[in-house]
Amino acid sequence: MNGDDTKGGGQGAGTPPESDLSARLRRLETQIERKRPSAAPGTSARPRDTSRTPLGQAMTLSTEFVAGVIAGGILGWIADHLLGTKPWGMIVLLLLGCVAGFYNVMRASGFAGRGPSGARPGGSSGTGPGDETGAAPALEREKKGGSGHGGHD
């Protein structure tokens, strides 16, 4: 059924030899490689975060915060039950979860220096021209007297 069956009578006579198929496969692979754009891996003309919609970014930021608070609450509850420190483990770890949630929101929005995926592509620090992925570069433009709405500075 899939072309690999040689049990049927006479099917083996119409198929090309394996060496011809291998040569054809190599030829097709080289044609594909020639037609692909020659960009270095990990670099792109546009940062990844600019393709996000405002609603998508809001959902990401709220999820980052809620996840930190929930994780702190769960760890606090576990610590209280294991250590017998009710309610102090829950209070302390819930506050630490809030701090972690705030930090995650700042990191994801670009205020904390690194993006959600670690280091920025190309090793840039996020302050160069053309690297305007978050609100921090917009604030820097406003401090310098720019409008922050994509106009020329």
Protein backbone atom coordinates (compact mmCIF):
# COMPACT_ATOMS: atom_id res chain seq x y z
CA MET A 1 0.00 0.00 0.00
CA ASN A 2 2.73 2.49 0.87
CA GLY A 3 5.08 1.63 -2.01
CA ASP A 4 7.37 -0.52 0.13
CA ASP A 5 5.39 -3.70 -0.43
CA THR A 6 7.18 -6.08 -2.75
CA LYS A 7 4.81 -8.99 -2.05
CA GLY A 8 2.35 -8.01 -4.79
CA GLY A 9 2.98 -9.53 -8.18
CA GLY A 10 4.90 -7.27 -10.57
CA GLN A 11 5.18 -4.17 -8.33
CA GLY A 12 8.96 -4.45 -7.97
CA ALA A 13 9.50 -4.04 -11.73
CA GLY A 14 8.04 -0.47 -11.87
CA THR A 15 9.98 1.05 -8.94
CA PRO A 16 13.35 2.73 -9.48
CA PRO A 17 16.44 1.33 -7.78
CA GLU A 18 17.35 2.59 -4.31
CA SER A 19 20.45 4.45 -5.56
CA ASP A 20 18.26 6.54 -7.91
CA LEU A 21 15.93 7.39 -5.04
CA SER A 22 18.85 8.38 -2.82
CA ALA A 23 20.29 10.61 -5.53
CA ARG A 24 16.91 12.23 -6.06
CA LEU A 25 16.53 12.82 -2.32
CA ARG A 26 19.97 14.50 -2.11
CA ARG A 27 19.13 16.68 -5.12
CA LEU A 28 15.84 17.77 -3.55
CA GLU A 29 17.56 18.54 -0.23
CA THR A 30 20.10 20.78 -1.94
CA GLN A 31 17.33 22.60 -3.83
CA ILE A 32 15.48 23.21 -0.58
CA GLU A 33 18.63 24.50 1.12
CA ARG A 34 19.25 26.94 -1.76
CA LYS A 35 15.74 28.35 -1.51
CA ARG A 36 15.78 28.84 2.27
CA PRO A 37 16.74 32.30 3.52
CA SER A 38 20.29 32.35 4.79
CA ALA A 39 19.73 33.76 8.29
CA ALA A 40 21.98 32.83 11.17
CA PRO A 41 20.20 30.72 13.79
CA GLY A 42 18.91 32.71 16.74
CA THR A 43 19.02 36.08 15.02
CA SER A 44 16.14 37.88 13.42
CA ALA A 45 15.46 41.33 12.08
CA ARG A 46 12.58 41.81 14.53
CA PRO A 47 12.45 40.85 18.19
CA ARG A 48 9.97 38.12 19.06
CA ASP A 49 7.96 40.18 21.54
CA THR A 50 6.80 42.79 19.00
CA SER A 51 4.48 40.28 17.30
CA ARG A 52 2.39 39.92 20.46
CA THR A 53 -0.98 41.52 20.64
CA PRO A 54 -1.73 43.74 23.65
CA LEU A 55 -4.30 41.22 24.89
CA GLY A 56 -1.76 38.39 24.61
CA GLN A 57 0.84 40.38 26.51
CA ALA A 58 -1.70 41.27 29.24
CA MET A 59 -2.63 37.61 29.60
CA THR A 60 1.03 36.63 29.83
CA LEU A 61 1.76 39.24 32.50
CA SER A 62 -1.29 38.36 34.59
CA THR A 63 -0.47 34.66 34.35
CA GLU A 64 3.11 35.33 35.49
CA PHE A 65 1.85 37.15 38.59
CA VAL A 66 -0.89 34.67 39.50
CA ALA A 67 1.50 31.73 39.07
CA GLY A 68 3.95 33.28 41.55
CA VAL A 69 1.24 33.90 44.15
CA ILE A 70 -0.25 30.40 43.75
CA ALA A 71 3.17 28.75 43.98
CA GLY A 72 3.97 30.71 47.14
CA GLY A 73 0.63 29.78 48.68
CA ILE A 74 1.02 26.09 47.91
CA LEU A 75 4.58 25.99 49.22
CA GLY A 76 3.49 27.87 52.35
CA TRP A 77 0.65 25.44 52.98
CA ILE A 78 3.04 22.49 52.54
CA ALA A 79 5.61 24.08 54.83
CA ASP A 80 2.96 24.71 57.49
CA HIS A 81 1.78 21.10 57.44
CA LEU A 82 5.27 19.59 57.41
CA LEU A 83 6.85 21.92 59.96
CA GLY A 84 3.79 22.70 62.11
CA THR A 85 4.27 26.46 61.81
CA LYS A 86 0.67 27.48 61.04
CA PRO A 87 0.10 30.25 59.80
CA TRP A 88 3.62 31.68 59.48
CA GLY A 89 4.86 29.48 56.65
CA MET A 90 1.82 30.39 54.56
CA ILE A 91 2.19 34.12 55.30
CA VAL A 92 5.92 34.28 54.57
CA LEU A 93 5.87 32.13 51.45
CA LEU A 94 2.73 33.85 50.12
CA LEU A 95 4.54 37.19 50.43
CA LEU A 96 7.58 35.68 48.71
CA GLY A 97 5.25 34.39 45.99
CA CYS A 98 3.91 37.94 45.52
CA VAL A 99 7.46 39.27 45.22
CA ALA A 100 8.33 36.52 42.74
CA GLY A 101 5.15 37.32 40.79
CA PHE A 102 6.05 41.02 40.62
CA TYR A 103 9.56 40.14 39.51
CA ASN A 104 8.25 37.81 36.80
CA VAL A 105 5.91 40.53 35.52
CA MET A 106 8.79 43.03 35.41
CA ARG A 107 11.05 40.52 33.69
CA ALA A 108 8.42 39.57 31.11
CA SER A 109 7.56 43.21 30.35
CA GLY A 110 11.20 44.24 29.93
CA PHE A 111 11.74 46.31 33.10
CA ALA A 112 14.14 43.86 34.75
CA GLY A 113 16.76 43.71 31.98
CA ARG A 114 16.22 40.17 30.68
CA GLY A 115 13.29 38.81 28.73
CA PRO A 116 11.27 35.74 29.63
CA SER A 117 13.53 33.50 27.56
CA GLY A 118 16.82 34.51 29.23
CA ALA A 119 19.48 36.55 27.47
CA ARG A 120 18.49 38.73 24.56
CA PRO A 121 19.48 37.53 21.07
CA GLY A 122 22.82 38.86 19.88
CA GLY A 123 23.91 39.73 23.41
CA SER A 124 22.39 43.20 23.35
CA SER A 125 21.39 44.81 26.60
CA GLY A 126 18.08 46.14 25.33
CA THR A 127 19.17 49.75 25.15
CA GLY A 128 20.38 49.94 21.57
CA PRO A 129 18.45 51.42 18.68
CA GLY A 130 15.91 49.11 17.15
CA ASP A 131 15.63 46.96 20.28
CA GLU A 132 12.35 48.31 21.59
CA THR A 133 10.56 45.25 22.90
CA GLY A 134 9.15 46.52 26.17
CA ALA A 135 8.06 49.64 27.95
CA ALA A 136 11.52 50.49 29.32
CA PRO A 137 12.87 51.83 25.99
CA ALA A 138 9.69 53.89 25.61
CA LEU A 139 10.29 55.41 29.04
CA GLU A 140 13.89 56.20 28.09
CA ARG A 141 12.63 57.96 24.95
CA GLU A 142 10.18 60.01 27.01
CA LYS A 143 12.99 61.05 29.37
CA LYS A 144 15.01 62.19 26.36
CA GLY A 145 12.05 64.20 25.05
CA GLY A 146 10.63 61.76 22.50
CA SER A 147 6.94 61.03 22.15
CA GLY A 148 7.25 57.27 22.63
CA HIS A 149 4.68 56.62 19.88
CA GLY A 150 7.02 55.50 17.11
CA GLY A 151 7.77 59.02 15.91
CA HIS A 152 11.26 60.22 15.11
CA ASP A 153 13.40 61.40 17.99
